[in-house]
Amino acid sequence: MFNKAFKKKQTPVSYQIEHPNEVVELFSRLTLHHQVALLRLMSRNLMVNINGDTTMGYEMNFEVNGALIEATTDESTGESLDQPSDT
Protein backbone atom coordinates (compact mmCIF):
# COMPACT_ATOMS: atom_id res chain seq x y z
CA MET A 1 0.00 0.00 0.00
CA PHE A 2 2.74 2.47 0.90
CA ASN A 3 5.03 1.32 -1.92
CA LYS A 4 2.96 3.28 -4.41
CA ALA A 5 3.63 6.54 -2.60
CA PHE A 6 7.38 6.04 -2.72
CA LYS A 7 7.69 4.86 -6.33
CA LYS A 8 9.65 7.14 -8.61
CA LYS A 9 7.85 8.57 -11.56
CA GLN A 10 8.86 7.07 -14.86
CA THR A 11 10.79 9.49 -17.01
CA PRO A 12 9.59 9.81 -20.60
CA VAL A 13 11.41 7.89 -23.27
CA SER A 14 13.94 9.96 -25.17
CA TYR A 15 13.39 10.13 -28.90
CA GLN A 16 16.94 10.53 -30.07
CA ILE A 17 17.06 9.58 -33.72
CA GLU A 18 19.99 7.37 -34.57
CA HIS A 19 19.21 6.96 -38.27
CA PRO A 20 16.78 8.67 -40.70
CA ASN A 21 15.06 5.33 -41.32
CA GLU A 22 13.61 5.60 -37.81
CA VAL A 23 11.59 8.64 -38.90
CA VAL A 24 10.21 6.74 -41.90
CA GLU A 25 9.36 3.76 -39.70
CA LEU A 26 7.55 5.93 -37.16
CA PHE A 27 5.61 7.77 -39.87
CA SER A 28 4.54 4.50 -41.50
CA ARG A 29 2.93 3.38 -38.21
CA LEU A 30 0.79 6.52 -37.93
CA THR A 31 -2.84 6.53 -39.00
CA LEU A 32 -4.04 9.11 -41.51
CA HIS A 33 -5.59 11.13 -38.69
CA HIS A 34 -2.23 11.17 -36.86
CA GLN A 35 -0.53 12.24 -40.09
CA VAL A 36 -3.04 15.08 -40.54
CA ALA A 37 -2.34 16.28 -37.01
CA LEU A 38 1.40 16.17 -37.74
CA LEU A 39 0.88 18.08 -41.01
CA ARG A 40 -1.04 20.78 -39.13
CA LEU A 41 1.93 21.21 -36.81
CA MET A 42 4.46 21.21 -39.65
CA SER A 43 2.39 23.57 -41.80
CA ARG A 44 3.25 26.48 -39.51
CA ASN A 45 6.67 26.50 -41.19
CA LEU A 46 5.41 25.75 -44.70
CA MET A 47 5.03 28.04 -47.69
CA VAL A 48 3.52 26.61 -50.90
CA ASN A 49 4.23 28.43 -54.17
CA ILE A 50 2.27 27.14 -57.20
CA ASN A 51 2.41 29.11 -60.45
CA GLY A 52 3.43 32.27 -58.59
CA ASP A 53 0.55 32.00 -56.10
CA THR A 54 1.95 31.70 -52.57
CA THR A 55 -0.06 30.17 -49.74
CA MET A 56 1.20 29.90 -46.20
CA GLY A 57 0.75 26.52 -44.56
CA TYR A 58 -1.19 27.94 -41.62
CA GLU A 59 -3.80 29.17 -44.15
CA MET A 60 -4.45 25.58 -45.27
CA ASN A 61 -6.90 22.99 -43.99
CA PHE A 62 -5.83 19.34 -43.85
CA GLU A 63 -8.55 16.68 -43.78
CA VAL A 64 -8.73 12.94 -44.32
CA ASN A 65 -10.68 12.23 -47.49
CA GLY A 66 -11.03 8.47 -47.95
CA ALA A 67 -7.54 7.04 -48.11
CA LEU A 68 -5.84 10.38 -48.83
CA ILE A 69 -5.08 13.61 -47.03
CA GLU A 70 -6.62 16.61 -48.75
CA ALA A 71 -5.12 20.08 -48.31
CA THR A 72 -7.40 22.99 -49.13
CA THR A 73 -7.42 26.73 -48.55
CA ASP A 74 -10.24 28.90 -47.26
CA GLU A 75 -10.89 30.09 -50.80
CA SER A 76 -11.62 26.57 -52.05
CA THR A 77 -13.71 25.42 -49.06
CA GLY A 78 -15.43 28.64 -48.07
CA GLU A 79 -14.77 27.78 -44.42
CA SER A 80 -13.09 29.80 -41.73
CA LEU A 81 -9.93 28.61 -39.99
CA ASP A 82 -11.52 29.65 -36.68
CA GLN A 83 -13.76 26.57 -36.73
CA PRO A 84 -12.70 23.66 -34.51
CA SER A 85 -11.18 20.59 -36.10
CA ASP A 86 -12.72 17.13 -35.90
CA THR A 87 -9.37 15.41 -35.21
C-alpha atoms as a PDB file:
ATOM      1  CA  MET A   1       0.000   0.000   0.000  1.00  0.00           C
ATOM      2  CA  PHE A   2       2.737   2.475   0.900  1.00  0.00           C
ATOM      3  CA  ASN A   3       5.027   1.321  -1.925  1.00  0.00           C
ATOM      4  CA  LYS A   4       2.959   3.277  -4.411  1.00  0.00           C
ATOM      5  CA  ALA A   5       3.626   6.540  -2.600  1.00  0.00           C
ATOM      6  CA  PHE A   6       7.379   6.043  -2.720  1.00  0.00           C
ATOM      7  CA  LYS A   7       7.686   4.861  -6.326  1.00  0.00           C
ATOM      8  CA  LYS A   8       9.653   7.137  -8.606  1.00  0.00           C
ATOM      9  CA  LYS A   9       7.850   8.567 -11.564  1.00  0.00           C
ATOM     10  CA  GLN A  10       8.858   7.067 -14.859  1.00  0.00           C
ATOM     11  CA  THR A  11      10.788   9.493 -17.011  1.00  0.00           C
ATOM     12  CA  PRO A  12       9.586   9.811 -20.598  1.00  0.00           C
ATOM     13  CA  VAL A  13      11.415   7.886 -23.267  1.00  0.00           C
ATOM     14  CA  SER A  14      13.941   9.961 -25.166  1.00  0.00           C
ATOM     15  CA  TYR A  15      13.389  10.131 -28.895  1.00  0.00           C
ATOM     16  CA  GLN A  16      16.943  10.525 -30.072  1.00  0.00           C
ATOM     17  CA  ILE A  17      17.055   9.577 -33.725  1.00  0.00           C
ATOM     18  CA  GLU A  18      19.991   7.368 -34.573  1.00  0.00           C
ATOM     19  CA  HIS A  19      19.205   6.955 -38.271  1.00  0.00           C
ATOM     20  CA  PRO A  20      16.784   8.674 -40.700  1.00  0.00           C
ATOM     21  CA  ASN A  21      15.063   5.331 -41.320  1.00  0.00           C
ATOM     22  CA  GLU A  22      13.610   5.598 -37.813  1.00  0.00           C
ATOM     23  CA  VAL A  23      11.595   8.637 -38.900  1.00  0.00           C
ATOM     24  CA  VAL A  24      10.208   6.742 -41.898  1.00  0.00           C
ATOM     25  CA  GLU A  25       9.358   3.756 -39.703  1.00  0.00           C
ATOM     26  CA  LEU A  26       7.551   5.930 -37.158  1.00  0.00           C
ATOM     27  CA  PHE A  27       5.610   7.773 -39.866  1.00  0.00           C
ATOM     28  CA  SER A  28       4.538   4.496 -41.496  1.00  0.00           C
ATOM     29  CA  ARG A  29       2.933   3.385 -38.212  1.00  0.00           C
ATOM     30  CA  LEU A  30       0.793   6.523 -37.925  1.00  0.00           C
ATOM     31  CA  THR A  31      -2.844   6.533 -39.003  1.00  0.00           C
ATOM     32  CA  LEU A  32      -4.043   9.111 -41.513  1.00  0.00           C
ATOM     33  CA  HIS A  33      -5.587  11.126 -38.693  1.00  0.00           C
ATOM     34  CA  HIS A  34      -2.233  11.167 -36.862  1.00  0.00           C
ATOM     35  CA  GLN A  35      -0.525  12.235 -40.087  1.00  0.00           C
ATOM     36  CA  VAL A  36      -3.036  15.080 -40.541  1.00  0.00           C
ATOM     37  CA  ALA A  37      -2.337  16.281 -37.010  1.00  0.00           C
ATOM     38  CA  LEU A  38       1.400  16.170 -37.742  1.00  0.00           C
ATOM     39  CA  LEU A  39       0.875  18.076 -41.010  1.00  0.00           C
ATOM     40  CA  ARG A  40      -1.038  20.775 -39.134  1.00  0.00           C
ATOM     41  CA  LEU A  41       1.934  21.212 -36.807  1.00  0.00           C
ATOM     42  CA  MET A  42       4.462  21.209 -39.646  1.00  0.00           C
ATOM     43  CA  SER A  43       2.388  23.566 -41.800  1.00  0.00           C
ATOM     44  CA  ARG A  44       3.249  26.481 -39.509  1.00  0.00           C
ATOM     45  CA  ASN A  45       6.673  26.503 -41.186  1.00  0.00           C
ATOM     46  CA  LEU A  46       5.413  25.753 -44.703  1.00  0.00           C
ATOM     47  CA  MET A  47       5.033  28.045 -47.691  1.00  0.00           C
ATOM     48  CA  VAL A  48       3.523  26.613 -50.904  1.00  0.00           C
ATOM     49  CA  ASN A  49       4.227  28.427 -54.172  1.00  0.00           C
ATOM     50  CA  ILE A  50       2.273  27.140 -57.197  1.00  0.00           C
ATOM     51  CA  ASN A  51       2.409  29.110 -60.446  1.00  0.00           C
ATOM     52  CA  GLY A  52       3.425  32.268 -58.595  1.00  0.00           C
ATOM     53  CA  ASP A  53       0.550  31.997 -56.096  1.00  0.00           C
ATOM     54  CA  THR A  54       1.951  31.699 -52.573  1.00  0.00           C
ATOM     55  CA  THR A  55      -0.055  30.174 -49.737  1.00  0.00           C
ATOM     56  CA  MET A  56       1.204  29.896 -46.201  1.00  0.00           C
ATOM     57  CA  GLY A  57       0.751  26.519 -44.561  1.00  0.00           C
ATOM     58  CA  TYR A  58      -1.187  27.945 -41.618  1.00  0.00           C
ATOM     59  CA  GLU A  59      -3.797  29.166 -44.151  1.00  0.00           C
ATOM     60  CA  MET A  60      -4.448  25.585 -45.268  1.00  0.00           C
ATOM     61  CA  ASN A  61      -6.898  22.992 -43.987  1.00  0.00           C
ATOM     62  CA  PHE A  62      -5.825  19.341 -43.851  1.00  0.00           C
ATOM     63  CA  GLU A  63      -8.546  16.683 -43.784  1.00  0.00           C
ATOM     64  CA  VAL A  64      -8.731  12.941 -44.319  1.00  0.00           C
ATOM     65  CA  ASN A  65     -10.679  12.225 -47.490  1.00  0.00           C
ATOM     66  CA  GLY A  66     -11.034   8.475 -47.953  1.00  0.00           C
ATOM     67  CA  ALA A  67      -7.535   7.039 -48.113  1.00  0.00           C
ATOM     68  CA  LEU A  68      -5.836  10.380 -48.830  1.00  0.00           C
ATOM     69  CA  ILE A  69      -5.083  13.612 -47.027  1.00  0.00           C
ATOM     70  CA  GLU A  70      -6.625  16.615 -48.748  1.00  0.00           C
ATOM     71  CA  ALA A  71      -5.118  20.079 -48.310  1.00  0.00           C
ATOM     72  CA  THR A  72      -7.396  22.991 -49.128  1.00  0.00           C
ATOM     73  CA  THR A  73      -7.419  26.728 -48.550  1.00  0.00           C
ATOM     74  CA  ASP A  74     -10.243  28.896 -47.260  1.00  0.00           C
ATOM     75  CA  GLU A  75     -10.892  30.086 -50.799  1.00  0.00           C
ATOM     76  CA  SER A  76     -11.621  26.574 -52.049  1.00  0.00           C
ATOM     77  CA  THR A  77     -13.711  25.421 -49.061  1.00  0.00           C
ATOM     78  CA  GLY A  78     -15.434  28.642 -48.075  1.00  0.00           C
ATOM     79  CA  GLU A  79     -14.769  27.777 -44.420  1.00  0.00           C
ATOM     80  CA  SER A  80     -13.093  29.798 -41.726  1.00  0.00           C
ATOM     81  CA  LEU A  81      -9.928  28.612 -39.990  1.00  0.00           C
ATOM     82  CA  ASP A  82     -11.518  29.645 -36.684  1.00  0.00           C
ATOM     83  CA  GLN A  83     -13.762  26.569 -36.725  1.00  0.00           C
ATOM     84  CA  PRO A  84     -12.705  23.657 -34.509  1.00  0.00           C
ATOM     85  CA  SER A  85     -11.183  20.592 -36.100  1.00  0.00           C
ATOM     86  CA  ASP A  86     -12.724  17.125 -35.897  1.00  0.00           C
ATOM     87  CA  THR A  87      -9.370  15.413 -35.206  1.00  0.00           C
END
